[in-house]
């Protein structure tokens, strides 16, 4: 029996494309769970890149501080814990930090966006 959500899928997706999207969505959800309570005012954006056997977390930050480093390390640690025992338990997790706005110079912009801060009102 097909999964009930299949009715919402693009019917032209191949099985491989479907698996890729399901994996990306799973990693986005798990990263969102891992990031709860760890997104401070200097965190401008988070994107998730699903590579074969690896996960890259892209961060755009307003300032590269000790606190930002701790939050990013905590997010990666929590994500690793959440993935333990599941299909992604052997995927390596790396982080990339971009100092500045999540504009077209941010490498994370090409990947699945999890979080983007509202621009500061001036």
N, C-alpha and C. Protein backbone atom coordinates (compact mmCIF):
# COMPACT_ATOMS: atom_id res chain seq x y z
N UNK A 1 0.84 -1.19 0.00
CA UNK A 1 0.00 0.00 0.00
C UNK A 1 0.88 1.24 0.00
N UNK A 2 0.52 2.19 -0.84
CA UNK A 2 1.26 3.44 -0.90
C UNK A 2 1.07 4.24 0.39
N UNK A 3 2.07 5.06 0.67
CA UNK A 3 1.99 5.96 1.82
C UNK A 3 0.93 7.02 1.52
N UNK A 4 0.10 7.39 2.48
CA UNK A 4 -0.96 8.38 2.23
C UNK A 4 -0.44 9.72 1.72
N UNK A 5 0.80 10.08 2.08
CA UNK A 5 1.34 11.36 1.63
C UNK A 5 1.70 11.35 0.15
N UNK A 6 1.79 10.17 -0.45
CA UNK A 6 2.18 10.06 -1.86
C UNK A 6 1.25 10.86 -2.77
N UNK A 7 0.00 11.06 -2.35
CA UNK A 7 -0.93 11.82 -3.19
C UNK A 7 -0.47 13.26 -3.39
N UNK A 8 0.42 13.74 -2.52
CA UNK A 8 0.91 15.11 -2.62
C UNK A 8 2.24 15.21 -3.36
N UNK A 9 2.83 14.09 -3.73
CA UNK A 9 4.11 14.07 -4.43
C UNK A 9 3.90 14.41 -5.90
N UNK A 10 4.94 14.96 -6.48
CA UNK A 10 4.95 15.18 -7.91
C UNK A 10 4.97 13.81 -8.57
N UNK A 11 4.00 13.49 -9.41
CA UNK A 11 3.93 12.14 -9.99
C UNK A 11 5.11 11.80 -10.91
N UNK A 12 5.86 12.81 -11.35
CA UNK A 12 6.99 12.51 -12.24
C UNK A 12 8.29 12.26 -11.48
N UNK A 13 8.26 12.29 -10.14
CA UNK A 13 9.47 12.00 -9.38
C UNK A 13 9.88 10.54 -9.54
N UNK A 14 11.17 10.35 -9.72
CA UNK A 14 11.67 8.97 -9.74
C UNK A 14 11.81 8.51 -8.30
N UNK A 15 11.99 7.22 -8.11
CA UNK A 15 12.16 6.68 -6.76
C UNK A 15 13.40 7.30 -6.10
N UNK A 16 14.45 7.51 -6.86
CA UNK A 16 15.67 8.12 -6.33
C UNK A 16 15.44 9.57 -5.91
N UNK A 17 14.73 10.33 -6.72
CA UNK A 17 14.42 11.72 -6.38
C UNK A 17 13.54 11.78 -5.13
N UNK A 18 12.60 10.86 -5.03
CA UNK A 18 11.73 10.81 -3.86
C UNK A 18 12.54 10.53 -2.59
N UNK A 19 13.45 9.56 -2.65
CA UNK A 19 14.30 9.26 -1.49
C UNK A 19 15.16 10.45 -1.11
N UNK A 20 15.69 11.16 -2.11
CA UNK A 20 16.52 12.34 -1.85
C UNK A 20 15.71 13.42 -1.13
N UNK A 21 14.49 13.68 -1.57
CA UNK A 21 13.64 14.68 -0.92
C UNK A 21 13.22 14.26 0.48
N UNK A 22 12.90 12.99 0.64
CA UNK A 22 12.52 12.50 1.97
C UNK A 22 13.69 12.62 2.95
N UNK A 23 14.90 12.31 2.48
CA UNK A 23 16.09 12.43 3.34
C UNK A 23 16.33 13.90 3.69
N UNK A 24 16.25 14.79 2.70
CA UNK A 24 16.44 16.21 2.97
C UNK A 24 15.43 16.72 4.00
N UNK A 25 14.17 16.35 3.83
CA UNK A 25 13.15 16.79 4.77
C UNK A 25 13.38 16.22 6.17
N UNK A 26 13.79 14.97 6.24
CA UNK A 26 14.10 14.35 7.53
C UNK A 26 15.24 15.10 8.22
N UNK A 27 16.29 15.42 7.47
CA UNK A 27 17.43 16.13 8.05
C UNK A 27 17.05 17.54 8.47
N UNK A 28 16.20 18.21 7.70
CA UNK A 28 15.72 19.53 8.10
C UNK A 28 14.94 19.48 9.40
N UNK A 29 14.05 18.51 9.52
CA UNK A 29 13.25 18.39 10.75
C UNK A 29 14.13 18.08 11.96
N UNK A 30 15.08 17.18 11.80
CA UNK A 30 15.95 16.82 12.91
C UNK A 30 16.87 17.98 13.29
N UNK A 31 17.35 18.73 12.30
CA UNK A 31 18.19 19.88 12.59
C UNK A 31 17.39 20.98 13.29
N UNK A 32 16.16 21.17 12.86
CA UNK A 32 15.30 22.13 13.54
C UNK A 32 15.09 21.76 15.00
N UNK A 33 14.89 20.49 15.27
CA UNK A 33 14.75 20.01 16.65
C UNK A 33 16.04 20.26 17.42
N UNK A 34 17.18 19.98 16.80
CA UNK A 34 18.47 20.16 17.46
C UNK A 34 18.75 21.63 17.76
N UNK A 35 18.23 22.53 16.94
CA UNK A 35 18.52 23.96 17.09
C UNK A 35 17.60 24.68 18.06
N UNK A 36 16.56 24.01 18.53
CA UNK A 36 15.61 24.67 19.44
C UNK A 36 16.33 25.25 20.65
N UNK A 37 16.11 26.53 20.89
CA UNK A 37 16.70 27.21 22.02
C UNK A 37 18.14 27.65 21.81
N UNK A 38 18.70 27.37 20.65
CA UNK A 38 20.11 27.70 20.41
C UNK A 38 20.31 28.76 19.34
N UNK A 39 19.24 29.35 18.87
CA UNK A 39 19.34 30.38 17.84
C UNK A 39 19.26 31.74 18.52
N UNK A 40 20.43 32.38 18.64
CA UNK A 40 20.51 33.68 19.29
C UNK A 40 20.42 34.81 18.28
N UNK A 41 20.53 36.04 18.76
CA UNK A 41 20.35 37.20 17.89
C UNK A 41 21.43 37.34 16.80
N UNK A 42 22.61 36.76 17.00
CA UNK A 42 23.66 36.86 15.99
C UNK A 42 23.59 35.76 14.94
N UNK A 43 22.67 34.82 15.10
CA UNK A 43 22.48 33.75 14.12
C UNK A 43 21.52 34.28 13.06
N UNK A 44 22.01 34.44 11.85
CA UNK A 44 21.21 35.04 10.78
C UNK A 44 20.50 34.02 9.91
N UNK A 45 21.13 32.86 9.71
CA UNK A 45 20.50 31.84 8.86
C UNK A 45 21.16 30.49 9.09
N UNK A 46 20.37 29.45 8.83
CA UNK A 46 20.86 28.06 8.90
C UNK A 46 20.32 27.33 7.68
N UNK A 47 21.20 26.61 7.01
CA UNK A 47 20.80 25.77 5.88
C UNK A 47 21.42 24.39 6.08
N UNK A 48 20.76 23.39 5.51
CA UNK A 48 21.21 22.00 5.64
C UNK A 48 21.53 21.46 4.25
N UNK A 49 22.74 20.94 4.12
CA UNK A 49 23.18 20.32 2.87
C UNK A 49 23.32 18.83 3.10
N UNK A 50 22.53 18.06 2.40
CA UNK A 50 22.58 16.60 2.51
C UNK A 50 23.50 16.05 1.42
N UNK A 51 24.68 15.64 1.81
CA UNK A 51 25.63 15.01 0.90
C UNK A 51 25.54 13.50 1.11
N UNK A 52 26.03 12.72 0.16
CA UNK A 52 26.05 11.27 0.39
C UNK A 52 26.89 10.95 1.62
N UNK A 53 26.30 10.29 2.58
CA UNK A 53 26.99 9.87 3.81
C UNK A 53 27.46 11.03 4.68
N UNK A 54 26.99 12.25 4.43
CA UNK A 54 27.42 13.40 5.22
C UNK A 54 26.33 14.47 5.26
N UNK A 55 26.45 15.32 6.28
CA UNK A 55 25.53 16.44 6.45
C UNK A 55 26.38 17.67 6.73
N UNK A 56 26.14 18.73 5.98
CA UNK A 56 26.85 19.99 6.22
C UNK A 56 25.82 21.00 6.71
N UNK A 57 26.07 21.58 7.87
CA UNK A 57 25.22 22.63 8.42
C UNK A 57 25.88 23.96 8.10
N UNK A 58 25.18 24.80 7.35
CA UNK A 58 25.70 26.11 6.95
C UNK A 58 25.07 27.17 7.85
N UNK A 59 25.90 28.01 8.42
CA UNK A 59 25.43 29.08 9.29
C UNK A 59 25.89 30.43 8.74
N UNK A 60 25.01 31.40 8.73
CA UNK A 60 25.36 32.79 8.45
C UNK A 60 25.21 33.52 9.78
N UNK A 61 26.26 34.21 10.20
CA UNK A 61 26.25 34.86 11.52
C UNK A 61 26.64 36.33 11.39
N UNK A 62 26.10 37.14 12.28
CA UNK A 62 26.42 38.57 12.30
C UNK A 62 27.79 38.82 12.91
N UNK A 63 28.19 37.99 13.86
CA UNK A 63 29.49 38.12 14.52
C UNK A 63 29.96 36.73 14.90
N UNK A 64 31.24 36.48 14.70
CA UNK A 64 31.80 35.17 15.05
C UNK A 64 32.34 35.28 16.48
N UNK A 65 31.55 34.77 17.42
CA UNK A 65 31.89 34.87 18.84
C UNK A 65 32.02 33.49 19.45
N UNK A 66 32.53 33.46 20.67
CA UNK A 66 32.61 32.21 21.42
C UNK A 66 31.23 31.62 21.62
N UNK A 67 30.24 32.48 21.88
CA UNK A 67 28.87 32.03 22.10
C UNK A 67 28.30 31.39 20.83
N UNK A 68 28.56 31.99 19.69
CA UNK A 68 28.10 31.42 18.41
C UNK A 68 28.75 30.06 18.20
N UNK A 69 30.05 29.96 18.44
CA UNK A 69 30.74 28.68 18.29
C UNK A 69 30.13 27.61 19.19
N UNK A 70 29.83 27.98 20.43
CA UNK A 70 29.22 27.04 21.37
C UNK A 70 27.84 26.60 20.88
N UNK A 71 27.04 27.56 20.41
CA UNK A 71 25.70 27.22 19.91
C UNK A 71 25.79 26.30 18.70
N UNK A 72 26.69 26.59 17.78
CA UNK A 72 26.85 25.75 16.59
C UNK A 72 27.32 24.35 16.97
N UNK A 73 28.28 24.27 17.88
CA UNK A 73 28.74 22.95 18.35
C UNK A 73 27.62 22.19 19.05
N UNK A 74 26.80 22.91 19.83
CA UNK A 74 25.67 22.26 20.51
C UNK A 74 24.64 21.76 19.50
N UNK A 75 24.37 22.53 18.45
CA UNK A 75 23.43 22.10 17.42
C UNK A 75 23.94 20.83 16.74
N UNK A 76 25.22 20.81 16.37
CA UNK A 76 25.81 19.63 15.73
C UNK A 76 25.77 18.42 16.67
N UNK A 77 26.06 18.64 17.95
CA UNK A 77 26.04 17.55 18.92
C UNK A 77 24.62 17.01 19.08
N UNK A 78 23.65 17.90 19.22
CA UNK A 78 22.26 17.48 19.38
C UNK A 78 21.76 16.74 18.14
N UNK A 79 22.14 17.23 16.97
CA UNK A 79 21.74 16.56 15.74
C UNK A 79 22.32 15.15 15.69
N UNK A 80 23.58 15.02 16.05
CA UNK A 80 24.22 13.70 16.07
C UNK A 80 23.47 12.77 17.02
N UNK A 81 23.08 13.28 18.18
CA UNK A 81 22.33 12.46 19.15
C UNK A 81 20.96 12.07 18.59
N UNK A 82 20.28 13.00 17.93
CA UNK A 82 18.96 12.71 17.36
C UNK A 82 19.04 11.69 16.24
N UNK A 83 20.14 11.69 15.50
CA UNK A 83 20.29 10.76 14.38
C UNK A 83 20.78 9.39 14.82
N UNK A 84 21.27 9.28 16.04
CA UNK A 84 21.79 8.01 16.55
C UNK A 84 20.72 6.93 16.53
N UNK A 85 21.09 5.76 16.03
CA UNK A 85 20.16 4.64 15.98
C UNK A 85 19.24 4.66 14.77
N UNK A 86 19.33 5.70 13.96
CA UNK A 86 18.48 5.82 12.78
C UNK A 86 19.27 5.62 11.51
N UNK A 87 18.62 5.85 10.37
CA UNK A 87 19.29 5.60 9.09
C UNK A 87 20.46 6.54 8.81
N UNK A 88 20.56 7.65 9.52
CA UNK A 88 21.65 8.61 9.30
C UNK A 88 22.72 8.55 10.39
N UNK A 89 22.70 7.51 11.20
CA UNK A 89 23.62 7.46 12.34
C UNK A 89 25.09 7.46 11.94
N UNK A 90 25.41 7.02 10.74
CA UNK A 90 26.81 7.00 10.32
C UNK A 90 27.18 8.20 9.45
N UNK A 91 26.25 9.09 9.22
CA UNK A 91 26.56 10.29 8.43
C UNK A 91 27.38 11.26 9.26
N UNK A 92 28.48 11.71 8.71
CA UNK A 92 29.30 12.71 9.39
C UNK A 92 28.64 14.07 9.33
N UNK A 93 28.81 14.85 10.39
CA UNK A 93 28.23 16.19 10.45
C UNK A 93 29.36 17.20 10.50
N UNK A 94 29.35 18.14 9.56
CA UNK A 94 30.32 19.23 9.58
C UNK A 94 29.56 20.55 9.56
N UNK A 95 30.26 21.60 9.97
CA UNK A 95 29.64 22.92 10.00
C UNK A 95 30.48 23.90 9.20
N UNK A 96 29.81 24.85 8.58
CA UNK A 96 30.45 25.92 7.83
C UNK A 96 29.87 27.24 8.33
N UNK A 97 30.74 28.16 8.69
CA UNK A 97 30.31 29.46 9.20
C UNK A 97 30.65 30.55 8.20
N UNK A 98 29.65 31.36 7.89
CA UNK A 98 29.79 32.50 6.99
C UNK A 98 29.55 33.75 7.82
N UNK A 99 30.52 34.64 7.86
CA UNK A 99 30.36 35.89 8.58
C UNK A 99 29.70 36.90 7.65
N UNK A 100 28.47 37.23 7.95
CA UNK A 100 27.74 38.20 7.14
C UNK A 100 26.33 37.73 6.83
N UNK A 101 25.65 38.52 6.06
CA UNK A 101 24.26 38.25 5.71
C UNK A 101 24.14 37.00 4.83
N UNK A 102 22.98 36.34 4.89
CA UNK A 102 22.76 35.19 4.03
C UNK A 102 22.37 35.63 2.62
N UNK A 103 23.30 36.28 1.96
CA UNK A 103 23.05 36.79 0.61
C UNK A 103 23.64 35.81 -0.41
N UNK A 104 23.85 36.26 -1.63
CA UNK A 104 24.33 35.35 -2.66
C UNK A 104 25.79 34.94 -2.48
N UNK A 105 26.49 35.50 -1.50
CA UNK A 105 27.86 35.06 -1.19
C UNK A 105 27.87 33.93 -0.16
N UNK A 106 26.73 33.65 0.45
CA UNK A 106 26.65 32.62 1.48
C UNK A 106 26.50 31.25 0.81
N UNK A 107 27.43 30.33 1.05
CA UNK A 107 27.33 29.00 0.43
C UNK A 107 26.06 28.23 0.81
N UNK A 108 25.48 28.54 1.95
CA UNK A 108 24.27 27.85 2.38
C UNK A 108 23.06 28.17 1.54
N UNK A 109 23.11 29.26 0.80
CA UNK A 109 21.96 29.67 0.00
C UNK A 109 21.55 28.67 -1.07
N UNK A 110 22.45 27.80 -1.43
CA UNK A 110 22.14 26.80 -2.46
C UNK A 110 21.52 25.53 -1.88
N UNK A 111 21.30 25.52 -0.57
CA UNK A 111 20.82 24.30 0.09
C UNK A 111 19.51 24.55 0.82
N UNK A 112 19.01 23.55 1.50
CA UNK A 112 17.70 23.62 2.15
C UNK A 112 17.74 24.58 3.33
N UNK A 113 17.00 25.66 3.22
CA UNK A 113 16.97 26.69 4.26
C UNK A 113 16.10 26.24 5.44
N UNK A 114 16.69 26.29 6.62
CA UNK A 114 15.96 25.94 7.84
C UNK A 114 15.49 27.19 8.57
N UNK A 115 16.36 28.21 8.62
CA UNK A 115 16.06 29.40 9.41
C UNK A 115 16.67 30.62 8.74
N UNK A 116 15.93 31.71 8.74
CA UNK A 116 16.47 32.99 8.26
C UNK A 116 15.86 34.08 9.12
N UNK A 117 16.73 34.87 9.77
CA UNK A 117 16.27 35.94 10.66
C UNK A 117 15.64 37.06 9.86
N UNK A 118 14.68 37.71 10.47
CA UNK A 118 14.09 38.88 9.84
C UNK A 118 15.14 39.99 9.86
N UNK A 119 15.19 40.79 8.79
CA UNK A 119 16.15 41.90 8.79
C UNK A 119 15.86 42.87 9.95
N UNK A 120 16.93 43.40 10.53
CA UNK A 120 16.76 44.36 11.62
C UNK A 120 16.08 45.61 11.09
N UNK A 121 15.11 46.11 11.85
CA UNK A 121 14.42 47.33 11.43
C UNK A 121 15.30 48.51 11.78
N UNK A 122 15.39 49.44 10.90
CA UNK A 122 16.31 50.54 11.13
C UNK A 122 15.61 51.79 11.10
